[in-house]
Amino acid sequence: MNGNKITVLYFAAVRDITGVSSETFELSEGWTLETLTKQLVLKHGEALGVVLKTAMYALDMDYVSKQDEATTVLKAGHEVAIIPPVSGG
């Protein structure tokens, strides 16, 4: 295990905003995906917050519904992928 750490993977617009493809975060007890979202916006700014409103989270390669973000508790070693909506034409 990674102690109390999780890895967050960024793709497309989220990667462009953060400037990195992944980061590691130290967990506090009871962190949920909603908590992670708030921390990401604090760290990277409101432009990221706008994208995260429509992005999907995958926790250890399983998608999490928007309704479950507030109750999905993160645990040490989890890998969270943030997948923004596909755009273009």
PDB file of N, CA and C in Angstrom:
ATOM      1  N   MET A   1       0.832  -1.202   0.000  1.00  0.00           N
ATOM      2  CA  MET A   1       0.000   0.000   0.000  1.00  0.00           C
ATOM      3  C   MET A   1       0.870   1.256   0.000  1.00  0.00           C
ATOM      4  N   ASN A   2       0.237   2.360  -0.286  1.00  0.00           N
ATOM      5  CA  ASN A   2       0.915   3.648  -0.352  1.00  0.00           C
ATOM      6  C   ASN A   2       0.681   4.475   0.897  1.00  0.00           C
ATOM      7  N   GLY A   3       0.632   3.891   2.076  1.00  0.00           N
ATOM      8  CA  GLY A   3       0.306   4.669   3.259  1.00  0.00           C
ATOM      9  C   GLY A   3      -1.131   5.128   3.157  1.00  0.00           C
ATOM     10  N   ASN A   4      -1.352   6.420   3.302  1.00  0.00           N
ATOM     11  CA  ASN A   4      -2.695   6.990   3.160  1.00  0.00           C
ATOM     12  C   ASN A   4      -2.801   7.794   1.878  1.00  0.00           C
ATOM     13  N   LYS A   5      -2.240   7.299   0.798  1.00  0.00           N
ATOM     14  CA  LYS A   5      -2.212   8.060  -0.451  1.00  0.00           C
ATOM     15  C   LYS A   5      -3.100   7.434  -1.512  1.00  0.00           C
ATOM     16  N   ILE A   6      -3.604   8.310  -2.382  1.00  0.00           N
ATOM     17  CA  ILE A   6      -4.311   7.884  -3.581  1.00  0.00           C
ATOM     18  C   ILE A   6      -3.615   8.516  -4.773  1.00  0.00           C
ATOM     19  N   THR A   7      -3.803   7.917  -5.923  1.00  0.00           N
ATOM     20  CA  THR A   7      -3.279   8.467  -7.169  1.00  0.00           C
ATOM     21  C   THR A   7      -4.456   8.953  -7.994  1.00  0.00           C
ATOM     22  N   VAL A   8      -4.335  10.166  -8.522  1.00  0.00           N
ATOM     23  CA  VAL A   8      -5.373  10.740  -9.370  1.00  0.00           C
ATOM     24  C   VAL A   8      -4.798  10.891 -10.774  1.00  0.00           C
ATOM     25  N   LEU A   9      -5.487  10.316 -11.756  1.00  0.00           N
ATOM     26  CA  LEU A   9      -5.060  10.363 -13.151  1.00  0.00           C
ATOM     27  C   LEU A   9      -5.908  11.376 -13.909  1.00  0.00           C
ATOM     28  N   TYR A  10      -5.255  12.192 -14.732  1.00  0.00           N
ATOM     29  CA  TYR A  10      -5.942  13.241 -15.481  1.00  0.00           C
ATOM     30  C   TYR A  10      -5.863  12.969 -16.979  1.00  0.00           C
ATOM     31  N   PHE A  11      -6.951  13.269 -17.677  1.00  0.00           N
ATOM     32  CA  PHE A  11      -7.007  13.081 -19.118  1.00  0.00           C
ATOM     33  C   PHE A  11      -7.570  14.331 -19.791  1.00  0.00           C
ATOM     34  N   ALA A  12      -7.184  14.528 -21.044  1.00  0.00           N
ATOM     35  CA  ALA A  12      -7.732  15.573 -21.922  1.00  0.00           C
ATOM     36  C   ALA A  12      -7.724  16.955 -21.263  1.00  0.00           C
ATOM     37  N   ALA A  13      -8.882  17.620 -21.196  1.00  0.00           N
ATOM     38  CA  ALA A  13      -8.955  18.997 -20.683  1.00  0.00           C
ATOM     39  C   ALA A  13      -8.481  19.093 -19.238  1.00  0.00           C
ATOM     40  N   VAL A  14      -8.730  18.064 -18.446  1.00  0.00           N
ATOM     41  CA  VAL A  14      -8.295  18.089 -17.046  1.00  0.00           C
ATOM     42  C   VAL A  14      -6.767  18.086 -16.981  1.00  0.00           C
ATOM     43  N   ARG A  15      -6.139  17.282 -17.815  1.00  0.00           N
ATOM     44  CA  ARG A  15      -4.672  17.258 -17.881  1.00  0.00           C
ATOM     45  C   ARG A  15      -4.144  18.612 -18.357  1.00  0.00           C
ATOM     46  N   ASP A  16      -4.811  19.215 -19.331  1.00  0.00           N
ATOM     47  CA  ASP A  16      -4.383  20.532 -19.825  1.00  0.00           C
ATOM     48  C   ASP A  16      -4.431  21.583 -18.723  1.00  0.00           C
ATOM     49  N   ILE A  17      -5.464  21.567 -17.910  1.00  0.00           N
ATOM     50  CA  ILE A  17      -5.620  22.563 -16.847  1.00  0.00           C
ATOM     51  C   ILE A  17      -4.613  22.338 -15.723  1.00  0.00           C
ATOM     52  N   THR A  18      -4.426  21.081 -15.327  1.00  0.00           N
ATOM     53  CA  THR A  18      -3.513  20.796 -14.212  1.00  0.00           C
ATOM     54  C   THR A  18      -2.052  20.845 -14.631  1.00  0.00           C
ATOM     55  N   GLY A  19      -1.793  20.597 -15.905  1.00  0.00           N
ATOM     56  CA  GLY A  19      -0.418  20.588 -16.402  1.00  0.00           C
ATOM     57  C   GLY A  19       0.335  19.297 -16.110  1.00  0.00           C
ATOM     58  N   VAL A  20      -0.345  18.309 -15.545  1.00  0.00           N
ATOM     59  CA  VAL A  20       0.276  17.013 -15.249  1.00  0.00           C
ATOM     60  C   VAL A  20      -0.702  15.892 -15.600  1.00  0.00           C
ATOM     61  N   SER A  21      -0.176  14.687 -15.780  1.00  0.00           N
ATOM     62  CA  SER A  21      -1.048  13.560 -16.107  1.00  0.00           C
ATOM     63  C   SER A  21      -1.505  12.796 -14.870  1.00  0.00           C
ATOM     64  N   SER A  22      -0.829  13.034 -13.728  1.00  0.00           N
ATOM     65  CA  SER A  22      -1.260  12.389 -12.487  1.00  0.00           C
ATOM     66  C   SER A  22      -0.675  13.117 -11.286  1.00  0.00           C
ATOM     67  N   GLU A  23      -1.304  12.898 -10.144  1.00  0.00           N
ATOM     68  CA  GLU A  23      -0.825  13.447  -8.869  1.00  0.00           C
ATOM     69  C   GLU A  23      -1.143  12.445  -7.776  1.00  0.00           C
ATOM     70  N   THR A  24      -0.409  12.552  -6.688  1.00  0.00           N
ATOM     71  CA  THR A  24      -0.671  11.743  -5.504  1.00  0.00           C
ATOM     72  C   THR A  24      -1.170  12.662  -4.403  1.00  0.00           C
ATOM     73  N   PHE A  25      -2.208  12.224  -3.699  1.00  0.00           N
ATOM     74  CA  PHE A  25      -2.768  13.000  -2.599  1.00  0.00           C
ATOM     75  C   PHE A  25      -2.733  12.187  -1.320  1.00  0.00           C
ATOM     76  N   GLU A  26      -2.430  12.862  -0.222  1.00  0.00           N
ATOM     77  CA  GLU A  26      -2.488  12.266   1.111  1.00  0.00           C
ATOM     78  C   GLU A  26      -3.935  12.348   1.585  1.00  0.00           C
ATOM     79  N   LEU A  27      -4.498  11.227   1.963  1.00  0.00           N
ATOM     80  CA  LEU A  27      -5.897  11.180   2.399  1.00  0.00           C
ATOM     81  C   LEU A  27      -6.052  11.575   3.856  1.00  0.00           C
ATOM     82  N   SER A  28      -7.141  12.243   4.129  1.00  0.00           N
ATOM     83  CA  SER A  28      -7.612  12.402   5.500  1.00  0.00           C
ATOM     84  C   SER A  28      -8.780  11.440   5.658  1.00  0.00           C
ATOM     85  N   GLU A  29      -9.073  11.032   6.864  1.00  0.00           N
ATOM     86  CA  GLU A  29     -10.140  10.064   7.099  1.00  0.00           C
ATOM     87  C   GLU A  29     -11.476  10.594   6.590  1.00  0.00           C
ATOM     88  N   GLY A  30     -12.211   9.731   5.909  1.00  0.00           N
ATOM     89  CA  GLY A  30     -13.543  10.080   5.444  1.00  0.00           C
ATOM     90  C   GLY A  30     -13.598  10.830   4.123  1.00  0.00           C
ATOM     91  N   TRP A  31     -12.462  10.975   3.437  1.00  0.00           N
ATOM     92  CA  TRP A  31     -12.482  11.655   2.140  1.00  0.00           C
ATOM     93  C   TRP A  31     -13.387  10.902   1.172  1.00  0.00           C
ATOM     94  N   THR A  32     -14.208  11.662   0.453  1.00  0.00           N
ATOM     95  CA  THR A  32     -15.051  11.108  -0.603  1.00  0.00           C
ATOM     96  C   THR A  32     -14.599  11.705  -1.931  1.00  0.00           C
ATOM     97  N   LEU A  33     -15.207  11.251  -3.012  1.00  0.00           N
ATOM     98  CA  LEU A  33     -14.907  11.867  -4.310  1.00  0.00           C
ATOM     99  C   LEU A  33     -15.294  13.341  -4.306  1.00  0.00           C
ATOM    100  N   GLU A  34     -16.351  13.676  -3.596  1.00  0.00           N
ATOM    101  CA  GLU A  34     -16.758  15.082  -3.484  1.00  0.00           C
ATOM    102  C   GLU A  34     -15.680  15.901  -2.769  1.00  0.00           C
ATOM    103  N   THR A  35     -15.089  15.343  -1.710  1.00  0.00           N
ATOM    104  CA  THR A  35     -13.994  16.014  -1.004  1.00  0.00           C
ATOM    105  C   THR A  35     -12.812  16.216  -1.940  1.00  0.00           C
ATOM    106  N   LEU A  36     -12.485  15.176  -2.701  1.00  0.00           N
ATOM    107  CA  LEU A  36     -11.382  15.274  -3.659  1.00  0.00           C
ATOM    108  C   LEU A  36     -11.649  16.383  -4.671  1.00  0.00           C
ATOM    109  N   THR A  37     -12.870  16.456  -5.172  1.00  0.00           N
ATOM    110  CA  THR A  37     -13.226  17.505  -6.133  1.00  0.00           C
ATOM    111  C   THR A  37     -12.947  18.888  -5.551  1.00  0.00           C
ATOM    112  N   LYS A  38     -13.365  19.114  -4.323  1.00  0.00           N
ATOM    113  CA  LYS A  38     -13.134  20.415  -3.674  1.00  0.00           C
ATOM    114  C   LYS A  38     -11.642  20.702  -3.534  1.00  0.00           C
ATOM    115  N   GLN A  39     -10.859  19.699  -3.170  1.00  0.00           N
ATOM    116  CA  GLN A  39      -9.413  19.878  -3.030  1.00  0.00           C
ATOM    117  C   GLN A  39      -8.760  20.191  -4.374  1.00  0.00           C
ATOM    118  N   LEU A  40      -9.223  19.533  -5.424  1.00  0.00           N
ATOM    119  CA  LEU A  40      -8.668  19.782  -6.756  1.00  0.00           C
ATOM    120  C   LEU A  40      -8.955  21.204  -7.219  1.00  0.00           C
ATOM    121  N   VAL A  41     -10.160  21.689  -6.951  1.00  0.00           N
ATOM    122  CA  VAL A  41     -10.512  23.060  -7.343  1.00  0.00           C
ATOM    123  C   VAL A  41      -9.687  24.067  -6.541  1.00  0.00           C
ATOM    124  N   LEU A  42      -9.493  23.807  -5.250  1.00  0.00           N
ATOM    125  CA  LEU A  42      -8.644  24.693  -4.443  1.00  0.00           C
ATOM    126  C   LEU A  42      -7.222  24.741  -4.989  1.00  0.00           C
ATOM    127  N   LYS A  43      -6.717  23.607  -5.405  1.00  0.00           N
ATOM    128  CA  LYS A  43      -5.335  23.531  -5.881  1.00  0.00           C
ATOM    129  C   LYS A  43      -5.160  24.088  -7.290  1.00  0.00           C
ATOM    130  N   HIS A  44      -6.114  23.789  -8.191  1.00  0.00           N
ATOM    131  CA  HIS A  44      -5.923  24.099  -9.610  1.00  0.00           C
ATOM    132  C   HIS A  44      -6.838  25.196 -10.154  1.00  0.00           C
ATOM    133  N   GLY A  45      -7.797  25.676  -9.371  1.00  0.00           N
ATOM    134  CA  GLY A  45      -8.611  26.801  -9.800  1.00  0.00           C
ATOM    135  C   GLY A  45      -9.985  26.435 -10.327  1.00  0.00           C
ATOM    136  N   GLU A  46     -10.794  27.471 -10.463  1.00  0.00           N
ATOM    137  CA  GLU A  46     -12.196  27.300 -10.833  1.00  0.00           C
ATOM    138  C   GLU A  46     -12.373  26.779 -12.255  1.00  0.00           C
ATOM    139  N   ALA A  47     -11.409  27.021 -13.148  1.00  0.00           N
ATOM    140  CA  ALA A  47     -11.519  26.463 -14.503  1.00  0.00           C
ATOM    141  C   ALA A  47     -11.624  24.943 -14.433  1.00  0.00           C
ATOM    142  N   LEU A  48     -10.886  24.351 -13.516  1.00  0.00           N
ATOM    143  CA  LEU A  48     -10.980  22.904 -13.329  1.00  0.00           C
ATOM    144  C   LEU A  48     -12.349  22.539 -12.760  1.00  0.00           C
ATOM    145  N   GLY A  49     -12.858  23.342 -11.850  1.00  0.00           N
ATOM    146  CA  GLY A  49     -14.173  23.092 -11.273  1.00  0.00           C
ATOM    147  C   GLY A  49     -15.262  23.020 -12.323  1.00  0.00           C
ATOM    148  N   VAL A  50     -15.170  23.876 -13.324  1.00  0.00           N
ATOM    149  CA  VAL A  50     -16.163  23.881 -14.404  1.00  0.00           C
ATOM    150  C   VAL A  50     -16.127  22.554 -15.158  1.00  0.00           C
ATOM    151  N   VAL A  51     -14.929  22.075 -15.472  1.00  0.00           N
ATOM    152  CA  VAL A  51     -14.793  20.806 -16.193  1.00  0.00           C
ATOM    153  C   VAL A  51     -15.246  19.634 -15.323  1.00  0.00           C
ATOM    154  N   LEU A  52     -14.922  19.678 -14.034  1.00  0.00           N
ATOM    155  CA  LEU A  52     -15.264  18.566 -13.146  1.00  0.00           C
ATOM    156  C   LEU A  52     -16.768  18.386 -12.973  1.00  0.00           C
ATOM    157  N   LYS A  53     -17.544  19.445 -13.197  1.00  0.00           N
ATOM    158  CA  LYS A  53     -19.004  19.330 -13.072  1.00  0.00           C
ATOM    159  C   LYS A  53     -19.585  18.322 -14.057  1.00  0.00           C
ATOM    160  N   THR A  54     -18.926  18.148 -15.198  1.00  0.00           N
ATOM    161  CA  THR A  54     -19.432  17.216 -16.209  1.00  0.00           C
ATOM    162  C   THR A  54     -18.514  16.018 -16.421  1.00  0.00           C
ATOM    163  N   ALA A  55     -17.409  15.965 -15.703  1.00  0.00           N
ATOM    164  CA  ALA A  55     -16.471  14.845 -15.840  1.00  0.00           C
ATOM    165  C   ALA A  55     -16.993  13.616 -15.105  1.00  0.00           C
ATOM    166  N   MET A  56     -16.496  12.465 -15.511  1.00  0.00           N
ATOM    167  CA  MET A  56     -16.799  11.200 -14.833  1.00  0.00           C
ATOM    168  C   MET A  56     -15.576  10.780 -14.032  1.00  0.00           C
ATOM    169  N   TYR A  57     -15.830  10.147 -12.902  1.00  0.00           N
ATOM    170  CA  TYR A  57     -14.760   9.557 -12.103  1.00  0.00           C
ATOM    171  C   TYR A  57     -14.797   8.044 -12.289  1.00  0.00           C
ATOM    172  N   ALA A  58     -13.616   7.454 -12.369  1.00  0.00           N
ATOM    173  CA  ALA A  58     -13.489   5.994 -12.321  1.00  0.00           C
ATOM    174  C   ALA A  58     -12.604   5.674 -11.126  1.00  0.00           C
ATOM    175  N   LEU A  59     -13.095   4.820 -10.262  1.00  0.00           N
ATOM    176  CA  LEU A  59     -12.366   4.428  -9.058  1.00  0.00           C
ATOM    177  C   LEU A  59     -11.881   2.998  -9.265  1.00  0.00           C
ATOM    178  N   ASP A  60     -10.564   2.838  -9.351  1.00  0.00           N
ATOM    179  CA  ASP A  60      -9.972   1.532  -9.665  1.00  0.00           C
ATOM    180  C   ASP A  60     -10.635   0.923 -10.900  1.00  0.00           C
ATOM    181  N   MET A  61     -10.796   1.734 -11.923  1.00  0.00           N
ATOM    182  CA  MET A  61     -11.304   1.373 -13.249  1.00  0.00           C
ATOM    183  C   MET A  61     -12.799   1.061 -13.292  1.00  0.00           C
ATOM    184  N   ASP A  62     -13.545   1.414 -12.260  1.00  0.00           N
ATOM    185  CA  ASP A  62     -15.004   1.286 -12.266  1.00  0.00           C
ATOM    186  C   ASP A  62     -15.617   2.680 -12.183  1.00  0.00           C
ATOM    187  N   TYR A  63     -16.502   2.996 -13.132  1.00  0.00           N
ATOM    188  CA  TYR A  63     -17.137   4.308 -13.117  1.00  0.00           C
ATOM    189  C   TYR A  63     -18.000   4.494 -11.874  1.00  0.00           C
ATOM    190  N   VAL A  64     -18.030   5.740 -11.396  1.00  0.00           N
ATOM    191  CA  VAL A  64     -18.856   6.117 -10.250  1.00  0.00           C
ATOM    192  C   VAL A  64     -19.883   7.129 -10.751  1.00  0.00           C
ATOM    193  N   SER A  65     -21.157   6.911 -10.446  1.00  0.00           N
ATOM    194  CA  SER A  65     -22.196   7.836 -10.896  1.00  0.00           C
ATOM    195  C   SER A  65     -22.099   9.158 -10.139  1.00  0.00           C
ATOM    196  N   LYS A  66     -22.568  10.213 -10.761  1.00  0.00           N
ATOM    197  CA  LYS A  66     -22.558  11.543 -10.135  1.00  0.00           C
ATOM    198  C   LYS A  66     -23.274  11.515  -8.781  1.00  0.00           C
ATOM    199  N   GLN A  67     -24.379  10.765  -8.694  1.00  0.00           N
ATOM    200  CA  GLN A  67     -25.145  10.690  -7.452  1.00  0.00           C
ATOM    201  C   GLN A  67     -24.344  10.062  -6.312  1.00  0.00           C
ATOM    202  N   ASP A  68     -23.362   9.238  -6.643  1.00  0.00           N
ATOM    203  CA  ASP A  68     -22.596   8.528  -5.617  1.00  0.00           C
ATOM    204  C   ASP A  68     -21.299   9.229  -5.206  1.00  0.00           C
ATOM    205  N   GLU A  69     -20.964  10.350  -5.835  1.00  0.00           N
ATOM    206  CA  GLU A  69     -19.693  11.022  -5.528  1.00  0.00           C
ATOM    207  C   GLU A  69     -19.601  11.468  -4.070  1.00  0.00           C
ATOM    208  N   ALA A  70     -20.715  11.898  -3.495  1.00  0.00           N
ATOM    209  CA  ALA A  70     -20.694  12.400  -2.116  1.00  0.00           C
ATOM    210  C   ALA A  70     -20.559  11.276  -1.094  1.00  0.00           C
ATOM    211  N   THR A  71     -20.887  10.054  -1.489  1.00  0.00           N
ATOM    212  CA  THR A  71     -20.864   8.946  -0.534  1.00  0.00           C
ATOM    213  C   THR A  71     -19.788   7.905  -0.827  1.00  0.00           C
ATOM    214  N   THR A  72     -19.055   8.075  -1.918  1.00  0.00           N
ATOM    215  CA  THR A  72     -17.992   7.125  -2.256  1.00  0.00           C
ATOM    216  C   THR A  72     -16.730   7.502  -1.499  1.00  0.00           C
ATOM    217  N   VAL A  73     -16.402   6.704  -0.485  1.00  0.00           N
ATOM    218  CA  VAL A  73     -15.254   6.986   0.383  1.00  0.00           C
ATOM    219  C   VAL A  73     -13.986   6.452  -0.268  1.00  0.00           C
ATOM    220  N   LEU A  74     -12.954   7.290  -0.273  1.00  0.00           N
ATOM    221  CA  LEU A  74     -11.661   6.903  -0.832  1.00  0.00           C
ATOM    222  C   LEU A  74     -10.821   6.210   0.225  1.00  0.00           C
ATOM    223  N   LYS A  75     -10.064   5.222  -0.225  1.00  0.00           N
ATOM    224  CA  LYS A  75      -9.200   4.467   0.678  1.00  0.00           C
ATOM    225  C   LYS A  75      -7.773   4.471   0.141  1.00  0.00           C
ATOM    226  N   ALA A  76      -6.819   4.270   1.027  1.00  0.00           N
ATOM    227  CA  ALA A  76      -5.411   4.233   0.647  1.00  0.00           C
ATOM    228  C   ALA A  76      -5.198   3.251  -0.500  1.00  0.00           C
ATOM    229  N   GLY A  77      -4.418   3.680  -1.476  1.00  0.00           N
ATOM    230  CA  GLY A  77      -4.105   2.839  -2.615  1.00  0.00           C
ATOM    231  C   GLY A  77      -5.064   2.955  -3.778  1.00  0.00           C
ATOM    232  N   HIS A  78      -6.197   3.623  -3.588  1.00  0.00           N
ATOM    233  CA  HIS A  78      -7.141   3.794  -4.691  1.00  0.00           C
ATOM    234  C   HIS A  78      -6.501   4.583  -5.830  1.00  0.00           C
ATOM    235  N   GLU A  79      -6.946   4.272  -7.038  1.00  0.00           N
ATOM    236  CA  GLU A  79      -6.571   5.040  -8.218  1.00  0.00           C
ATOM    237  C   GLU A  79      -7.848   5.670  -8.761  1.00  0.00           C
ATOM    238  N   VAL A  80      -7.835   6.987  -8.857  1.00  0.00           N
ATOM    239  CA  VAL A  80      -8.998   7.733  -9.327  1.00  0.00           C
ATOM    240  C   VAL A  80      -8.657   8.349 -10.677  1.00  0.00           C
ATOM    241  N   ALA A  81      -9.403   7.987 -11.702  1.00  0.00           N
ATOM    242  CA  ALA A  81      -9.227   8.583 -13.024  1.00  0.00           C
ATOM    243  C   ALA A  81     -10.344   9.598 -13.239  1.00  0.00           C
ATOM    244  N   ILE A  82      -9.969  10.771 -13.751  1.00  0.00           N
ATOM    245  CA  ILE A  82     -10.961  11.805 -14.056  1.00  0.00           C
ATOM    246  C   ILE A  82     -11.044  11.924 -15.569  1.00  0.00           C
ATOM    247  N   ILE A  83     -12.233  11.633 -16.092  1.00  0.00           N
ATOM    248  CA  ILE A  83     -12.427  11.578 -17.530  1.00  0.00           C
ATOM    249  C   ILE A  83     -13.441  12.641 -17.930  1.00  0.00           C
ATOM    250  N   PRO A  84     -12.959  13.726 -18.555  1.00  0.00           N
ATOM    251  CA  PRO A  84     -13.883  14.779 -18.977  1.00  0.00           C
ATOM    252  C   PRO A  84     -14.718  14.319 -20.170  1.00  0.00           C
ATOM    253  N   PRO A  85     -15.820  15.021 -20.422  1.00  0.00           N
ATOM    254  CA  PRO A  85     -16.641  14.652 -21.576  1.00  0.00           C
ATOM    255  C   PRO A  85     -15.850  14.822 -22.870  1.00  0.00           C
ATOM    256  N   VAL A  86     -16.142  13.975 -23.820  1.00  0.00           N
ATOM    257  CA  VAL A  86     -15.475  14.048 -25.118  1.00  0.00           C
ATOM    258  C   VAL A  86     -16.043  15.233 -25.878  1.00  0.00           C
ATOM    259  N   SER A  87     -15.153  15.997 -26.504  1.00  0.00           N
ATOM    260  CA  SER A  87     -15.613  17.136 -27.307  1.00  0.00           C
ATOM    261  C   SER A  87     -14.892  17.106 -28.644  1.00  0.00           C
ATOM    262  N   GLY A  88     -15.325  17.950 -29.516  1.00  0.00           N
ATOM    263  CA  GLY A  88     -14.686  18.019 -30.826  1.00  0.00           C
ATOM    264  C   GLY A  88     -15.668  17.656 -31.913  1.00  0.00           C
ATOM    265  N   GLY A  89     -15.153  17.525 -33.108  1.00  0.00           N
ATOM    266  CA  GLY A  89     -16.081  17.203 -34.179  1.00  0.00           C
ATOM    267  C   GLY A  89     -15.396  16.765 -35.413  1.00  0.00           C
TER     268      GLY A  89
END
